[in-house]
């Protein structure tokens, strides 16, 4: 389960975007440990909208063959690390 609910994040982000309160004040007001957390929410919302605030955790399972092929493509220079 996520530490903060989507609706709560949206409320905090919208309050920040209204321009009346800064990161530090919001963190104190809502008892959020870090201003950086709010900054991440705001940036995610600005770039991706509502979906940027959703938690996207998915455990992908890859076969050994896929992993070896991926490493081989990287080592031969056919694919970058990020690809």
PDB file of N, CA and C in Angstrom:
ATOM      1  N   UNK A   1       0.833  -1.186   0.000  1.00  0.00           N
ATOM      2  CA  UNK A   1       0.000   0.000   0.000  1.00  0.00           C
ATOM      3  C   UNK A   1       0.875   1.247   0.000  1.00  0.00           C
ATOM      4  N   UNK A   2       0.469   2.244  -0.720  1.00  0.00           N
ATOM      5  CA  UNK A   2       1.212   3.490  -0.804  1.00  0.00           C
ATOM      6  C   UNK A   2       1.102   4.251   0.510  1.00  0.00           C
ATOM      7  N   UNK A   3       2.147   5.005   0.806  1.00  0.00           N
ATOM      8  CA  UNK A   3       2.155   5.781   2.044  1.00  0.00           C
ATOM      9  C   UNK A   3       1.107   6.882   2.008  1.00  0.00           C
ATOM     10  N   UNK A   4       0.969   7.525   0.865  1.00  0.00           N
ATOM     11  CA  UNK A   4      -0.001   8.609   0.716  1.00  0.00           C
ATOM     12  C   UNK A   4      -1.004   8.237  -0.370  1.00  0.00           C
ATOM     13  N   UNK A   5      -2.261   8.491  -0.102  1.00  0.00           N
ATOM     14  CA  UNK A   5      -3.312   8.201  -1.075  1.00  0.00           C
ATOM     15  C   UNK A   5      -3.267   9.221  -2.218  1.00  0.00           C
ATOM     16  N   UNK A   6      -3.725   8.790  -3.363  1.00  0.00           N
ATOM     17  CA  UNK A   6      -3.726   9.614  -4.569  1.00  0.00           C
ATOM     18  C   UNK A   6      -4.483  10.926  -4.353  1.00  0.00           C
ATOM     19  N   UNK A   7      -5.618  10.853  -3.711  1.00  0.00           N
ATOM     20  CA  UNK A   7      -6.434  12.050  -3.477  1.00  0.00           C
ATOM     21  C   UNK A   7      -5.684  13.066  -2.603  1.00  0.00           C
ATOM     22  N   UNK A   8      -4.953  12.561  -1.607  1.00  0.00           N
ATOM     23  CA  UNK A   8      -4.181  13.439  -0.726  1.00  0.00           C
ATOM     24  C   UNK A   8      -3.070  14.144  -1.502  1.00  0.00           C
ATOM     25  N   UNK A   9      -2.356  13.381  -2.318  1.00  0.00           N
ATOM     26  CA  UNK A   9      -1.277  13.967  -3.133  1.00  0.00           C
ATOM     27  C   UNK A   9      -1.834  15.063  -4.034  1.00  0.00           C
ATOM     28  N   UNK A  10      -2.963  14.783  -4.663  1.00  0.00           N
ATOM     29  CA  UNK A  10      -3.589  15.752  -5.558  1.00  0.00           C
ATOM     30  C   UNK A  10      -3.980  17.031  -4.808  1.00  0.00           C
ATOM     31  N   UNK A  11      -4.509  16.864  -3.613  1.00  0.00           N
ATOM     32  CA  UNK A  11      -4.889  18.015  -2.787  1.00  0.00           C
ATOM     33  C   UNK A  11      -3.668  18.888  -2.486  1.00  0.00           C
ATOM     34  N   UNK A  12      -2.569  18.272  -2.094  1.00  0.00           N
ATOM     35  CA  UNK A  12      -1.345  19.002  -1.762  1.00  0.00           C
ATOM     36  C   UNK A  12      -0.783  19.697  -2.997  1.00  0.00           C
ATOM     37  N   UNK A  13      -0.745  18.986  -4.115  1.00  0.00           N
ATOM     38  CA  UNK A  13      -0.216  19.550  -5.357  1.00  0.00           C
ATOM     39  C   UNK A  13      -1.045  20.755  -5.790  1.00  0.00           C
ATOM     40  N   UNK A  14      -2.352  20.607  -5.764  1.00  0.00           N
ATOM     41  CA  UNK A  14      -3.215  21.717  -6.184  1.00  0.00           C
ATOM     42  C   UNK A  14      -3.046  22.923  -5.267  1.00  0.00           C
ATOM     43  N   UNK A  15      -2.884  22.667  -3.984  1.00  0.00           N
ATOM     44  CA  UNK A  15      -2.672  23.765  -3.043  1.00  0.00           C
ATOM     45  C   UNK A  15      -1.365  24.494  -3.363  1.00  0.00           C
ATOM     46  N   UNK A  16      -0.332  23.728  -3.714  1.00  0.00           N
ATOM     47  CA  UNK A  16       0.935  24.352  -4.093  1.00  0.00           C
ATOM     48  C   UNK A  16       0.778  25.171  -5.371  1.00  0.00           C
ATOM     49  N   UNK A  17       0.104  24.598  -6.362  1.00  0.00           N
ATOM     50  CA  UNK A  17      -0.040  25.252  -7.659  1.00  0.00           C
ATOM     51  C   UNK A  17      -0.900  26.521  -7.598  1.00  0.00           C
ATOM     52  N   UNK A  18      -1.721  26.639  -6.580  1.00  0.00           N
ATOM     53  CA  UNK A  18      -2.486  27.873  -6.404  1.00  0.00           C
ATOM     54  C   UNK A  18      -1.564  29.043  -6.086  1.00  0.00           C
ATOM     55  N   UNK A  19      -0.352  28.731  -5.625  1.00  0.00           N
ATOM     56  CA  UNK A  19       0.659  29.758  -5.425  1.00  0.00           C
ATOM     57  C   UNK A  19       0.645  30.470  -4.093  1.00  0.00           C
ATOM     58  N   UNK A  20      -0.146  30.020  -3.151  1.00  0.00           N
ATOM     59  CA  UNK A  20      -0.236  30.701  -1.868  1.00  0.00           C
ATOM     60  C   UNK A  20       0.665  30.115  -0.786  1.00  0.00           C
ATOM     61  N   UNK A  21       1.272  28.976  -1.053  1.00  0.00           N
ATOM     62  CA  UNK A  21       2.056  28.284  -0.028  1.00  0.00           C
ATOM     63  C   UNK A  21       3.195  27.516  -0.694  1.00  0.00           C
ATOM     64  N   UNK A  22       4.332  27.465  -0.019  1.00  0.00           N
ATOM     65  CA  UNK A  22       5.513  26.807  -0.573  1.00  0.00           C
ATOM     66  C   UNK A  22       5.664  25.371  -0.096  1.00  0.00           C
ATOM     67  N   UNK A  23       6.723  24.723  -0.581  1.00  0.00           N
ATOM     68  CA  UNK A  23       6.978  23.323  -0.246  1.00  0.00           C
ATOM     69  C   UNK A  23       7.151  23.114   1.259  1.00  0.00           C
ATOM     70  N   UNK A  24       7.972  23.946   1.883  1.00  0.00           N
ATOM     71  CA  UNK A  24       8.258  23.782   3.312  1.00  0.00           C
ATOM     72  C   UNK A  24       6.995  23.948   4.149  1.00  0.00           C
ATOM     73  N   UNK A  25       6.200  24.935   3.826  1.00  0.00           N
ATOM     74  CA  UNK A  25       4.968  25.180   4.582  1.00  0.00           C
ATOM     75  C   UNK A  25       3.966  24.036   4.403  1.00  0.00           C
ATOM     76  N   UNK A  26       3.882  23.515   3.198  1.00  0.00           N
ATOM     77  CA  UNK A  26       2.985  22.375   2.953  1.00  0.00           C
ATOM     78  C   UNK A  26       3.443  21.146   3.727  1.00  0.00           C
ATOM     79  N   UNK A  27       4.750  20.907   3.721  1.00  0.00           N
ATOM     80  CA  UNK A  27       5.288  19.752   4.441  1.00  0.00           C
ATOM     81  C   UNK A  27       4.953  19.856   5.926  1.00  0.00           C
ATOM     82  N   UNK A  28       5.085  21.043   6.466  1.00  0.00           N
ATOM     83  CA  UNK A  28       4.781  21.251   7.883  1.00  0.00           C
ATOM     84  C   UNK A  28       3.277  21.124   8.139  1.00  0.00           C
ATOM     85  N   UNK A  29       2.479  21.728   7.286  1.00  0.00           N
ATOM     86  CA  UNK A  29       1.026  21.721   7.446  1.00  0.00           C
ATOM     87  C   UNK A  29       0.446  20.312   7.443  1.00  0.00           C
ATOM     88  N   UNK A  30       0.949  19.463   6.526  1.00  0.00           N
ATOM     89  CA  UNK A  30       0.400  18.114   6.377  1.00  0.00           C
ATOM     90  C   UNK A  30       1.286  17.029   6.993  1.00  0.00           C
ATOM     91  N   UNK A  31       2.298  17.465   7.749  1.00  0.00           N
ATOM     92  CA  UNK A  31       3.189  16.528   8.440  1.00  0.00           C
ATOM     93  C   UNK A  31       3.839  15.529   7.471  1.00  0.00           C
ATOM     94  N   UNK A  32       4.367  16.056   6.381  1.00  0.00           N
ATOM     95  CA  UNK A  32       5.082  15.252   5.392  1.00  0.00           C
ATOM     96  C   UNK A  32       6.572  15.424   5.683  1.00  0.00           C
ATOM     97  N   UNK A  33       7.294  14.311   5.779  1.00  0.00           N
ATOM     98  CA  UNK A  33       8.688  14.350   6.203  1.00  0.00           C
ATOM     99  C   UNK A  33       9.579  15.262   5.371  1.00  0.00           C
ATOM    100  N   UNK A  34       9.390  15.241   4.075  1.00  0.00           N
ATOM    101  CA  UNK A  34      10.339  15.909   3.198  1.00  0.00           C
ATOM    102  C   UNK A  34       9.659  16.825   2.190  1.00  0.00           C
ATOM    103  N   UNK A  35      10.239  17.999   2.025  1.00  0.00           N
ATOM    104  CA  UNK A  35       9.771  18.909   0.978  1.00  0.00           C
ATOM    105  C   UNK A  35       9.990  18.288  -0.395  1.00  0.00           C
ATOM    106  N   UNK A  36      11.054  17.494  -0.510  1.00  0.00           N
ATOM    107  CA  UNK A  36      11.390  16.859  -1.786  1.00  0.00           C
ATOM    108  C   UNK A  36      10.264  15.950  -2.266  1.00  0.00           C
ATOM    109  N   UNK A  37       9.567  15.332  -1.335  1.00  0.00           N
ATOM    110  CA  UNK A  37       8.435  14.463  -1.686  1.00  0.00           C
ATOM    111  C   UNK A  37       7.369  15.285  -2.415  1.00  0.00           C
ATOM    112  N   UNK A  38       7.052  16.434  -1.882  1.00  0.00           N
ATOM    113  CA  UNK A  38       6.044  17.304  -2.496  1.00  0.00           C
ATOM    114  C   UNK A  38       6.545  17.808  -3.843  1.00  0.00           C
ATOM    115  N   UNK A  39       7.815  18.152  -3.901  1.00  0.00           N
ATOM    116  CA  UNK A  39       8.411  18.622  -5.157  1.00  0.00           C
ATOM    117  C   UNK A  39       8.291  17.543  -6.236  1.00  0.00           C
ATOM    118  N   UNK A  40       8.524  16.285  -5.874  1.00  0.00           N
ATOM    119  CA  UNK A  40       8.377  15.172  -6.835  1.00  0.00           C
ATOM    120  C   UNK A  40       6.932  15.053  -7.306  1.00  0.00           C
ATOM    121  N   UNK A  41       5.995  15.190  -6.379  1.00  0.00           N
ATOM    122  CA  UNK A  41       4.573  15.108  -6.748  1.00  0.00           C
ATOM    123  C   UNK A  41       4.210  16.214  -7.726  1.00  0.00           C
ATOM    124  N   UNK A  42       4.663  17.418  -7.430  1.00  0.00           N
ATOM    125  CA  UNK A  42       4.348  18.561  -8.286  1.00  0.00           C
ATOM    126  C   UNK A  42       4.937  18.362  -9.674  1.00  0.00           C
ATOM    127  N   UNK A  43       6.198  17.949  -9.749  1.00  0.00           N
ATOM    128  CA  UNK A  43       6.843  17.718 -11.043  1.00  0.00           C
ATOM    129  C   UNK A  43       6.146  16.605 -11.820  1.00  0.00           C
ATOM    130  N   UNK A  44       5.789  15.535 -11.127  1.00  0.00           N
ATOM    131  CA  UNK A  44       5.090  14.429 -11.784  1.00  0.00           C
ATOM    132  C   UNK A  44       3.743  14.897 -12.322  1.00  0.00           C
ATOM    133  N   UNK A  45       3.047  15.699 -11.550  1.00  0.00           N
ATOM    134  CA  UNK A  45       1.742  16.206 -11.976  1.00  0.00           C
ATOM    135  C   UNK A  45       1.880  17.143 -13.170  1.00  0.00           C
ATOM    136  N   UNK A  46       2.900  17.983 -13.139  1.00  0.00           N
ATOM    137  CA  UNK A  46       3.108  18.930 -14.237  1.00  0.00           C
ATOM    138  C   UNK A  46       3.450  18.209 -15.540  1.00  0.00           C
ATOM    139  N   UNK A  47       4.224  17.144 -15.460  1.00  0.00           N
ATOM    140  CA  UNK A  47       4.659  16.457 -16.677  1.00  0.00           C
ATOM    141  C   UNK A  47       3.683  15.386 -17.151  1.00  0.00           C
ATOM    142  N   UNK A  48       3.002  14.696 -16.203  1.00  0.00           N
ATOM    143  CA  UNK A  48       2.163  13.562 -16.587  1.00  0.00           C
ATOM    144  C   UNK A  48       0.703  13.711 -16.197  1.00  0.00           C
ATOM    145  N   UNK A  49       0.379  14.784 -15.507  1.00  0.00           N
ATOM    146  CA  UNK A  49      -0.998  14.971 -15.077  1.00  0.00           C
ATOM    147  C   UNK A  49      -1.359  14.050 -13.926  1.00  0.00           C
ATOM    148  N   UNK A  50      -2.632  13.780 -13.796  1.00  0.00           N
ATOM    149  CA  UNK A  50      -3.175  12.951 -12.706  1.00  0.00           C
ATOM    150  C   UNK A  50      -2.459  11.602 -12.615  1.00  0.00           C
ATOM    151  N   UNK A  51      -2.173  11.000 -13.765  1.00  0.00           N
ATOM    152  CA  UNK A  51      -1.541   9.684 -13.795  1.00  0.00           C
ATOM    153  C   UNK A  51      -0.134   9.704 -13.186  1.00  0.00           C
ATOM    154  N   UNK A  52       0.520  10.861 -13.211  1.00  0.00           N
ATOM    155  CA  UNK A  52       1.858  10.977 -12.651  1.00  0.00           C
ATOM    156  C   UNK A  52       1.893  10.782 -11.151  1.00  0.00           C
ATOM    157  N   UNK A  53       0.754  10.953 -10.493  1.00  0.00           N
ATOM    158  CA  UNK A  53       0.693  10.792  -9.043  1.00  0.00           C
ATOM    159  C   UNK A  53       0.365   9.363  -8.621  1.00  0.00           C
ATOM    160  N   UNK A  54      -0.042   8.544  -9.565  1.00  0.00           N
ATOM    161  CA  UNK A  54      -0.379   7.154  -9.244  1.00  0.00           C
ATOM    162  C   UNK A  54       0.877   6.340  -8.991  1.00  0.00           C
ATOM    163  N   UNK A  55       0.774   5.405  -8.069  1.00  0.00           N
ATOM    164  CA  UNK A  55       1.893   4.506  -7.777  1.00  0.00           C
ATOM    165  C   UNK A  55       1.890   3.413  -8.832  1.00  0.00           C
ATOM    166  N   UNK A  56       3.036   3.248  -9.471  1.00  0.00           N
ATOM    167  CA  UNK A  56       3.137   2.245 -10.534  1.00  0.00           C
ATOM    168  C   UNK A  56       4.216   1.238 -10.166  1.00  0.00           C
ATOM    169  N   UNK A  57       3.832   0.278  -9.392  1.00  0.00           N
ATOM    170  CA  UNK A  57       4.778  -0.776  -9.014  1.00  0.00           C
ATOM    171  C   UNK A  57       4.323  -2.080  -9.634  1.00  0.00           C
ATOM    172  N   UNK A  58       5.227  -2.658 -10.371  1.00  0.00           N
ATOM    173  CA  UNK A  58       4.910  -3.916 -11.011  1.00  0.00           C
ATOM    174  C   UNK A  58       6.185  -4.755 -11.020  1.00  0.00           C
ATOM    175  N   UNK A  59       6.107  -5.939 -10.495  1.00  0.00           N
ATOM    176  CA  UNK A  59       7.263  -6.823 -10.485  1.00  0.00           C
ATOM    177  C   UNK A  59       7.287  -7.619 -11.780  1.00  0.00           C
ATOM    178  N   UNK A  60       8.212  -7.248 -12.648  1.00  0.00           N
ATOM    179  CA  UNK A  60       8.351  -7.958 -13.908  1.00  0.00           C
ATOM    180  C   UNK A  60       9.239  -9.173 -13.712  1.00  0.00           C
ATOM    181  N   UNK A  61       8.874 -10.257 -14.340  1.00  0.00           N
ATOM    182  CA  UNK A  61       9.680 -11.474 -14.284  1.00  0.00           C
ATOM    183  C   UNK A  61      10.171 -11.758 -15.689  1.00  0.00           C
ATOM    184  N   UNK A  62      11.481 -11.876 -15.823  1.00  0.00           N
ATOM    185  CA  UNK A  62      12.101 -12.125 -17.117  1.00  0.00           C
ATOM    186  C   UNK A  62      12.799 -13.476 -17.099  1.00  0.00           C
ATOM    187  N   UNK A  63      12.780 -14.152 -18.230  1.00  0.00           N
ATOM    188  CA  UNK A  63      13.429 -15.453 -18.331  1.00  0.00           C
ATOM    189  C   UNK A  63      14.937 -15.268 -18.368  1.00  0.00           C
ATOM    190  N   UNK A  64      15.654 -16.329 -18.041  1.00  0.00           N
ATOM    191  CA  UNK A  64      17.112 -16.304 -18.081  1.00  0.00           C
ATOM    192  C   UNK A  64      17.587 -16.012 -19.502  1.00  0.00           C
ATOM    193  N   UNK A  65      16.927 -16.597 -20.480  1.00  0.00           N
ATOM    194  CA  UNK A  65      17.290 -16.368 -21.885  1.00  0.00           C
ATOM    195  C   UNK A  65      17.168 -14.884 -22.257  1.00  0.00           C
ATOM    196  N   UNK A  66      16.092 -14.254 -21.835  1.00  0.00           N
ATOM    197  CA  UNK A  66      15.886 -12.835 -22.109  1.00  0.00           C
ATOM    198  C   UNK A  66      16.983 -11.994 -21.463  1.00  0.00           C
ATOM    199  N   UNK A  67      17.308 -12.292 -20.205  1.00  0.00           N
ATOM    200  CA  UNK A  67      18.345 -11.543 -19.487  1.00  0.00           C
ATOM    201  C   UNK A  67      19.707 -11.688 -20.168  1.00  0.00           C
ATOM    202  N   UNK A  68      20.064 -12.916 -20.535  1.00  0.00           N
ATOM    203  CA  UNK A  68      21.353 -13.153 -21.194  1.00  0.00           C
ATOM    204  C   UNK A  68      21.416 -12.446 -22.550  1.00  0.00           C
ATOM    205  N   UNK A  69      20.327 -12.477 -23.284  1.00  0.00           N
ATOM    206  CA  UNK A  69      20.276 -11.812 -24.575  1.00  0.00           C
ATOM    207  C   UNK A  69      20.434 -10.295 -24.406  1.00  0.00           C
ATOM    208  N   UNK A  70      19.790  -9.744 -23.402  1.00  0.00           N
ATOM    209  CA  UNK A  70      19.879  -8.310 -23.131  1.00  0.00           C
ATOM    210  C   UNK A  70      21.308  -7.908 -22.782  1.00  0.00           C
ATOM    211  N   UNK A  71      21.943  -8.669 -21.929  1.00  0.00           N
ATOM    212  CA  UNK A  71      23.336  -8.387 -21.553  1.00  0.00           C
ATOM    213  C   UNK A  71      24.234  -8.494 -22.775  1.00  0.00           C
ATOM    214  N   UNK A  72      24.018  -9.500 -23.592  1.00  0.00           N
ATOM    215  CA  UNK A  72      24.819  -9.685 -24.801  1.00  0.00           C
ATOM    216  C   UNK A  72      24.660  -8.496 -25.758  1.00  0.00           C
ATOM    217  N   UNK A  73      23.441  -8.019 -25.938  1.00  0.00           N
ATOM    218  CA  UNK A  73      23.205  -6.864 -26.806  1.00  0.00           C
ATOM    219  C   UNK A  73      23.933  -5.626 -26.280  1.00  0.00           C
ATOM    220  N   UNK A  74      23.952  -5.457 -24.974  1.00  0.00           N
ATOM    221  CA  UNK A  74      24.665  -4.327 -24.373  1.00  0.00           C
ATOM    222  C   UNK A  74      26.174  -4.470 -24.578  1.00  0.00           C
ATOM    223  N   UNK A  75      26.695  -5.659 -24.314  1.00  0.00           N
ATOM    224  CA  UNK A  75      28.143  -5.880 -24.410  1.00  0.00           C
ATOM    225  C   UNK A  75      28.664  -5.760 -25.838  1.00  0.00           C
ATOM    226  N   UNK A  76      27.843  -6.111 -26.814  1.00  0.00           N
ATOM    227  CA  UNK A  76      28.269  -6.007 -28.210  1.00  0.00           C
ATOM    228  C   UNK A  76      28.057  -4.606 -28.779  1.00  0.00           C
ATOM    229  N   UNK A  77      27.446  -3.730 -27.990  1.00  0.00           N
ATOM    230  CA  UNK A  77      27.252  -2.363 -28.425  1.00  0.00           C
ATOM    231  C   UNK A  77      26.011  -2.159 -29.290  1.00  0.00           C
ATOM    232  N   UNK A  78      25.198  -3.172 -29.438  1.00  0.00           N
ATOM    233  CA  UNK A  78      23.992  -3.072 -30.253  1.00  0.00           C
ATOM    234  C   UNK A  78      22.865  -2.328 -29.530  1.00  0.00           C
ATOM    235  N   UNK A  79      22.991  -2.232 -28.205  1.00  0.00           N
ATOM    236  CA  UNK A  79      21.941  -1.603 -27.414  1.00  0.00           C
ATOM    237  C   UNK A  79      22.587  -0.837 -26.268  1.00  0.00           C
ATOM    238  N   UNK A  80      22.016   0.305 -25.932  1.00  0.00           N
ATOM    239  CA  UNK A  80      22.553   1.099 -24.818  1.00  0.00           C
ATOM    240  C   UNK A  80      22.052   0.524 -23.493  1.00  0.00           C
ATOM    241  N   UNK A  81      22.657   0.980 -22.417  1.00  0.00           N
ATOM    242  CA  UNK A  81      22.246   0.551 -21.079  1.00  0.00           C
ATOM    243  C   UNK A  81      20.783   0.895 -20.831  1.00  0.00           C
ATOM    244  N   UNK A  82      20.374   2.101 -21.195  1.00  0.00           N
ATOM    245  CA  UNK A  82      18.989   2.517 -20.952  1.00  0.00           C
ATOM    246  C   UNK A  82      17.997   1.744 -21.805  1.00  0.00           C
ATOM    247  N   UNK A  83      18.385   1.386 -23.004  1.00  0.00           N
ATOM    248  CA  UNK A  83      17.479   0.642 -23.890  1.00  0.00           C
ATOM    249  C   UNK A  83      17.209  -0.732 -23.325  1.00  0.00           C
TER     250      UNK A  83
END
